Amino acid sequence: MNAANEIIHQTMRLKIMSALNALRAGTKLEFQELKALLEATDGNLGTHLATLEGAGYIAIEKDFVGKKPRTRVAITRAGRRAFEQHVEYLREVIAGAGGASGASTAS
């Protein structure tokens, strides 16, 4: 069985990685779009993005549009691989739970 990826496993980071993994390779998502999609606060999202960036799972690009700052986020190859491995781990857990002996069902 694959091991859980403790960085990705946290709920908000799993949501971030899911959203970014759904995009074509190289596609960037603006911070405000990601924030709205995940219903996160600036601080909460920023903290989790920093953790994922530190692990090499995402790349953060900061620039300006006119005088307005813009932050865009993209999943890296390493991030996509780590996410896929974590999803496989979750599938194994679910498959194992379905075949667990002694499991009872409520009537």
N, C-alpha and C. Protein backbone atom coordinates (compact mmCIF):
# COMPACT_ATOMS: atom_id res chain seq x y z
N MET A 1 0.84 -1.18 0.00
CA MET A 1 0.00 0.00 0.00
C MET A 1 0.89 1.24 0.00
N ASN A 2 0.50 2.22 -0.81
CA ASN A 2 1.18 3.51 -0.80
C ASN A 2 0.99 4.17 0.56
N ALA A 3 1.89 5.07 0.90
CA ALA A 3 1.78 5.82 2.14
C ALA A 3 1.05 7.14 1.88
N ALA A 4 0.38 7.64 2.91
CA ALA A 4 -0.28 8.94 2.81
C ALA A 4 0.79 10.02 2.67
N ASN A 5 0.49 11.03 1.89
CA ASN A 5 1.37 12.19 1.78
C ASN A 5 0.83 13.20 2.78
N GLU A 6 1.52 13.35 3.90
CA GLU A 6 1.03 14.20 4.99
C GLU A 6 0.92 15.67 4.59
N ILE A 7 1.70 16.10 3.63
CA ILE A 7 1.59 17.50 3.18
C ILE A 7 0.29 17.68 2.41
N ILE A 8 -0.01 16.79 1.50
CA ILE A 8 -1.21 16.91 0.67
C ILE A 8 -2.46 16.49 1.44
N HIS A 9 -2.34 15.59 2.40
CA HIS A 9 -3.50 15.01 3.08
C HIS A 9 -4.35 16.03 3.81
N GLN A 10 -3.76 17.11 4.30
CA GLN A 10 -4.53 18.14 5.01
C GLN A 10 -5.64 18.66 4.08
N THR A 11 -6.83 18.85 4.60
CA THR A 11 -8.02 19.13 3.80
C THR A 11 -7.86 20.28 2.82
N MET A 12 -7.43 21.44 3.26
CA MET A 12 -7.32 22.59 2.36
C MET A 12 -6.25 22.35 1.30
N ARG A 13 -5.13 21.74 1.68
CA ARG A 13 -4.08 21.47 0.69
C ARG A 13 -4.54 20.43 -0.32
N LEU A 14 -5.34 19.46 0.11
CA LEU A 14 -5.89 18.47 -0.81
C LEU A 14 -6.82 19.16 -1.82
N LYS A 15 -7.62 20.11 -1.35
CA LYS A 15 -8.50 20.87 -2.25
C LYS A 15 -7.69 21.71 -3.23
N ILE A 16 -6.64 22.35 -2.75
CA ILE A 16 -5.78 23.16 -3.62
C ILE A 16 -5.17 22.28 -4.71
N MET A 17 -4.59 21.16 -4.30
CA MET A 17 -3.95 20.27 -5.26
C MET A 17 -4.96 19.69 -6.24
N SER A 18 -6.15 19.38 -5.78
CA SER A 18 -7.21 18.87 -6.67
C SER A 18 -7.56 19.89 -7.73
N ALA A 19 -7.73 21.13 -7.31
CA ALA A 19 -8.08 22.20 -8.26
C ALA A 19 -6.97 22.40 -9.28
N LEU A 20 -5.73 22.44 -8.83
CA LEU A 20 -4.61 22.68 -9.75
C LEU A 20 -4.35 21.47 -10.64
N ASN A 21 -4.55 20.27 -10.12
CA ASN A 21 -4.34 19.06 -10.91
C ASN A 21 -5.35 18.96 -12.05
N ALA A 22 -6.52 19.55 -11.87
CA ALA A 22 -7.56 19.49 -12.90
C ALA A 22 -7.22 20.36 -14.11
N LEU A 23 -6.26 21.26 -13.96
CA LEU A 23 -5.86 22.15 -15.05
C LEU A 23 -4.85 21.48 -15.96
N ARG A 24 -4.80 21.94 -17.21
CA ARG A 24 -3.76 21.46 -18.13
C ARG A 24 -2.39 21.83 -17.58
N ALA A 25 -1.40 21.03 -17.90
CA ALA A 25 -0.02 21.30 -17.46
C ALA A 25 0.38 22.71 -17.89
N GLY A 26 0.97 23.43 -16.98
CA GLY A 26 1.46 24.78 -17.27
C GLY A 26 0.42 25.87 -17.07
N THR A 27 -0.84 25.51 -16.86
CA THR A 27 -1.89 26.50 -16.65
C THR A 27 -1.80 27.05 -15.23
N LYS A 28 -1.95 28.35 -15.12
CA LYS A 28 -1.87 29.02 -13.82
C LYS A 28 -3.25 29.51 -13.41
N LEU A 29 -3.51 29.46 -12.12
CA LEU A 29 -4.77 29.92 -11.56
C LEU A 29 -4.46 31.12 -10.67
N GLU A 30 -5.23 32.19 -10.85
CA GLU A 30 -4.99 33.38 -10.04
C GLU A 30 -5.43 33.13 -8.60
N PHE A 31 -4.70 33.74 -7.68
CA PHE A 31 -4.95 33.59 -6.25
C PHE A 31 -6.41 33.86 -5.92
N GLN A 32 -6.96 34.95 -6.43
CA GLN A 32 -8.35 35.32 -6.11
C GLN A 32 -9.35 34.28 -6.62
N GLU A 33 -9.07 33.70 -7.78
CA GLU A 33 -9.94 32.65 -8.32
C GLU A 33 -9.88 31.40 -7.43
N LEU A 34 -8.68 31.03 -7.03
CA LEU A 34 -8.50 29.87 -6.17
C LEU A 34 -9.16 30.11 -4.82
N LYS A 35 -8.99 31.29 -4.29
CA LYS A 35 -9.60 31.67 -3.01
C LYS A 35 -11.12 31.54 -3.08
N ALA A 36 -11.73 32.05 -4.14
CA ALA A 36 -13.19 31.96 -4.30
C ALA A 36 -13.65 30.51 -4.48
N LEU A 37 -12.92 29.77 -5.28
CA LEU A 37 -13.25 28.37 -5.55
C LEU A 37 -13.26 27.55 -4.26
N LEU A 38 -12.29 27.79 -3.41
CA LEU A 38 -12.12 27.01 -2.19
C LEU A 38 -12.82 27.62 -0.98
N GLU A 39 -13.37 28.83 -1.16
CA GLU A 39 -14.00 29.57 -0.07
C GLU A 39 -13.03 29.71 1.11
N ALA A 40 -11.83 30.15 0.79
CA ALA A 40 -10.77 30.31 1.79
C ALA A 40 -10.53 31.79 2.08
N THR A 41 -9.87 32.07 3.18
CA THR A 41 -9.46 33.44 3.47
C THR A 41 -8.08 33.66 2.87
N ASP A 42 -7.70 34.92 2.72
CA ASP A 42 -6.37 35.25 2.19
C ASP A 42 -5.27 34.58 3.01
N GLY A 43 -5.34 34.74 4.32
CA GLY A 43 -4.30 34.22 5.19
C GLY A 43 -4.22 32.71 5.18
N ASN A 44 -5.37 32.06 5.25
CA ASN A 44 -5.41 30.60 5.26
C ASN A 44 -4.86 30.04 3.95
N LEU A 45 -5.33 30.58 2.84
CA LEU A 45 -4.85 30.11 1.54
C LEU A 45 -3.36 30.37 1.38
N GLY A 46 -2.92 31.56 1.76
CA GLY A 46 -1.51 31.91 1.64
C GLY A 46 -0.60 30.98 2.42
N THR A 47 -1.03 30.61 3.62
CA THR A 47 -0.25 29.70 4.46
C THR A 47 -0.11 28.33 3.81
N HIS A 48 -1.22 27.80 3.31
CA HIS A 48 -1.18 26.48 2.68
C HIS A 48 -0.41 26.50 1.36
N LEU A 49 -0.52 27.58 0.61
CA LEU A 49 0.26 27.69 -0.63
C LEU A 49 1.75 27.70 -0.31
N ALA A 50 2.13 28.40 0.75
CA ALA A 50 3.55 28.45 1.13
C ALA A 50 4.07 27.05 1.49
N THR A 51 3.26 26.26 2.17
CA THR A 51 3.65 24.89 2.51
C THR A 51 3.83 24.05 1.26
N LEU A 52 2.88 24.15 0.33
CA LEU A 52 2.96 23.38 -0.91
C LEU A 52 4.14 23.84 -1.77
N GLU A 53 4.40 25.13 -1.79
CA GLU A 53 5.54 25.65 -2.55
C GLU A 53 6.85 25.16 -1.94
N GLY A 54 6.94 25.16 -0.62
CA GLY A 54 8.13 24.68 0.06
C GLY A 54 8.43 23.22 -0.24
N ALA A 55 7.38 22.44 -0.48
CA ALA A 55 7.54 21.02 -0.81
C ALA A 55 7.85 20.82 -2.29
N GLY A 56 7.78 21.89 -3.08
CA GLY A 56 8.04 21.78 -4.52
C GLY A 56 6.85 21.31 -5.33
N TYR A 57 5.66 21.32 -4.71
CA TYR A 57 4.46 20.82 -5.38
C TYR A 57 3.76 21.86 -6.24
N ILE A 58 3.98 23.13 -5.93
CA ILE A 58 3.39 24.21 -6.73
C ILE A 58 4.44 25.28 -6.99
N ALA A 59 4.18 26.07 -8.02
CA ALA A 59 5.02 27.23 -8.31
C ALA A 59 4.12 28.46 -8.18
N ILE A 60 4.63 29.47 -7.51
CA ILE A 60 3.89 30.72 -7.33
C ILE A 60 4.61 31.81 -8.11
N GLU A 61 3.85 32.52 -8.92
CA GLU A 61 4.39 33.61 -9.74
C GLU A 61 3.70 34.90 -9.32
N LYS A 62 4.51 35.90 -8.98
CA LYS A 62 3.98 37.20 -8.59
C LYS A 62 4.46 38.25 -9.58
N ASP A 63 3.52 39.05 -10.05
CA ASP A 63 3.85 40.15 -10.95
C ASP A 63 2.83 41.25 -10.76
N PHE A 64 2.86 42.22 -11.65
CA PHE A 64 1.93 43.34 -11.57
C PHE A 64 1.19 43.47 -12.88
N VAL A 65 -0.09 43.80 -12.79
CA VAL A 65 -0.89 44.17 -13.95
C VAL A 65 -1.20 45.65 -13.72
N GLY A 66 -0.48 46.49 -14.48
CA GLY A 66 -0.52 47.91 -14.17
C GLY A 66 0.15 48.11 -12.83
N LYS A 67 -0.57 48.68 -11.89
CA LYS A 67 -0.02 48.89 -10.54
C LYS A 67 -0.59 47.89 -9.54
N LYS A 68 -1.38 46.96 -10.04
CA LYS A 68 -2.03 46.00 -9.16
C LYS A 68 -1.25 44.69 -9.10
N PRO A 69 -0.91 44.22 -7.89
CA PRO A 69 -0.19 42.94 -7.78
C PRO A 69 -1.08 41.76 -8.18
N ARG A 70 -0.43 40.76 -8.77
CA ARG A 70 -1.14 39.56 -9.19
C ARG A 70 -0.31 38.35 -8.77
N THR A 71 -0.98 37.37 -8.19
CA THR A 71 -0.35 36.12 -7.79
C THR A 71 -1.04 34.99 -8.53
N ARG A 72 -0.23 34.17 -9.20
CA ARG A 72 -0.76 33.01 -9.92
C ARG A 72 -0.06 31.76 -9.45
N VAL A 73 -0.79 30.67 -9.47
CA VAL A 73 -0.31 29.40 -8.92
C VAL A 73 -0.46 28.30 -9.96
N ALA A 74 0.53 27.43 -10.05
CA ALA A 74 0.47 26.27 -10.96
C ALA A 74 1.06 25.06 -10.24
N ILE A 75 0.55 23.89 -10.58
CA ILE A 75 1.09 22.64 -10.04
C ILE A 75 2.37 22.30 -10.81
N THR A 76 3.35 21.76 -10.12
CA THR A 76 4.59 21.33 -10.77
C THR A 76 4.49 19.86 -11.15
N ARG A 77 5.45 19.38 -11.92
CA ARG A 77 5.48 17.94 -12.25
C ARG A 77 5.57 17.10 -10.99
N ALA A 78 6.43 17.53 -10.08
CA ALA A 78 6.58 16.80 -8.81
C ALA A 78 5.27 16.83 -8.02
N GLY A 79 4.58 17.95 -8.07
CA GLY A 79 3.30 18.07 -7.39
C GLY A 79 2.25 17.17 -7.99
N ARG A 80 2.23 17.09 -9.31
CA ARG A 80 1.26 16.24 -10.00
C ARG A 80 1.53 14.77 -9.65
N ARG A 81 2.81 14.37 -9.63
CA ARG A 81 3.17 12.99 -9.26
C ARG A 81 2.77 12.70 -7.81
N ALA A 82 3.08 13.62 -6.92
CA ALA A 82 2.76 13.42 -5.50
C ALA A 82 1.25 13.34 -5.29
N PHE A 83 0.51 14.18 -6.01
CA PHE A 83 -0.95 14.16 -5.90
C PHE A 83 -1.49 12.82 -6.40
N GLU A 84 -1.01 12.36 -7.55
CA GLU A 84 -1.47 11.09 -8.11
C GLU A 84 -1.17 9.93 -7.16
N GLN A 85 0.00 9.95 -6.53
CA GLN A 85 0.35 8.89 -5.57
C GLN A 85 -0.57 8.95 -4.34
N HIS A 86 -0.89 10.15 -3.91
CA HIS A 86 -1.77 10.29 -2.74
C HIS A 86 -3.19 9.82 -3.09
N VAL A 87 -3.66 10.14 -4.28
CA VAL A 87 -4.98 9.68 -4.72
C VAL A 87 -4.99 8.15 -4.77
N GLU A 88 -3.92 7.55 -5.24
CA GLU A 88 -3.83 6.08 -5.27
C GLU A 88 -3.89 5.53 -3.84
N TYR A 89 -3.21 6.17 -2.91
CA TYR A 89 -3.27 5.78 -1.50
C TYR A 89 -4.72 5.81 -1.01
N LEU A 90 -5.43 6.90 -1.32
CA LEU A 90 -6.82 7.03 -0.89
C LEU A 90 -7.70 5.94 -1.50
N ARG A 91 -7.46 5.62 -2.77
CA ARG A 91 -8.21 4.53 -3.42
C ARG A 91 -7.97 3.21 -2.71
N GLU A 92 -6.72 2.95 -2.32
CA GLU A 92 -6.40 1.72 -1.61
C GLU A 92 -7.09 1.66 -0.25
N VAL A 93 -7.14 2.80 0.43
CA VAL A 93 -7.82 2.85 1.72
C VAL A 93 -9.31 2.55 1.55
N ILE A 94 -9.92 3.17 0.54
CA ILE A 94 -11.35 2.96 0.29
C ILE A 94 -11.62 1.51 -0.11
N ALA A 95 -10.78 0.96 -0.98
CA ALA A 95 -10.96 -0.43 -1.40
C ALA A 95 -10.80 -1.37 -0.20
N GLY A 96 -9.84 -1.08 0.65
CA GLY A 96 -9.63 -1.91 1.83
C GLY A 96 -10.77 -1.81 2.81
N ALA A 97 -11.35 -0.63 2.94
CA ALA A 97 -12.47 -0.44 3.87
C ALA A 97 -13.70 -1.21 3.39
N GLY A 98 -13.86 -1.31 2.07
CA GLY A 98 -15.01 -2.03 1.53
C GLY A 98 -14.93 -3.53 1.77
N GLY A 99 -13.71 -4.03 1.93
CA GLY A 99 -13.54 -5.47 2.12
C GLY A 99 -13.15 -5.83 3.53
N ALA A 100 -13.27 -4.87 4.44
CA ALA A 100 -12.86 -5.13 5.83
C ALA A 100 -13.74 -6.19 6.48
N SER A 101 -13.09 -7.16 7.12
CA SER A 101 -13.85 -8.21 7.79
C SER A 101 -14.41 -7.67 9.09
N GLY A 102 -15.56 -8.18 9.45
CA GLY A 102 -16.16 -7.76 10.71
C GLY A 102 -16.92 -6.46 10.59
N ALA A 103 -16.96 -5.86 9.43
CA ALA A 103 -17.69 -4.61 9.27
C ALA A 103 -19.17 -4.91 9.31
N SER A 104 -19.89 -4.09 10.02
CA SER A 104 -21.33 -4.29 10.11
C SER A 104 -22.03 -3.17 9.37
N THR A 105 -23.23 -3.46 8.95
CA THR A 105 -24.03 -2.45 8.29
C THR A 105 -25.25 -2.19 9.15
N ALA A 106 -25.65 -0.94 9.22
CA ALA A 106 -26.84 -0.58 9.99
C ALA A 106 -28.09 -0.96 9.23
N SER A 107 -29.06 -1.47 9.95
CA SER A 107 -30.33 -1.85 9.31
C SER A 107 -31.35 -0.78 9.47
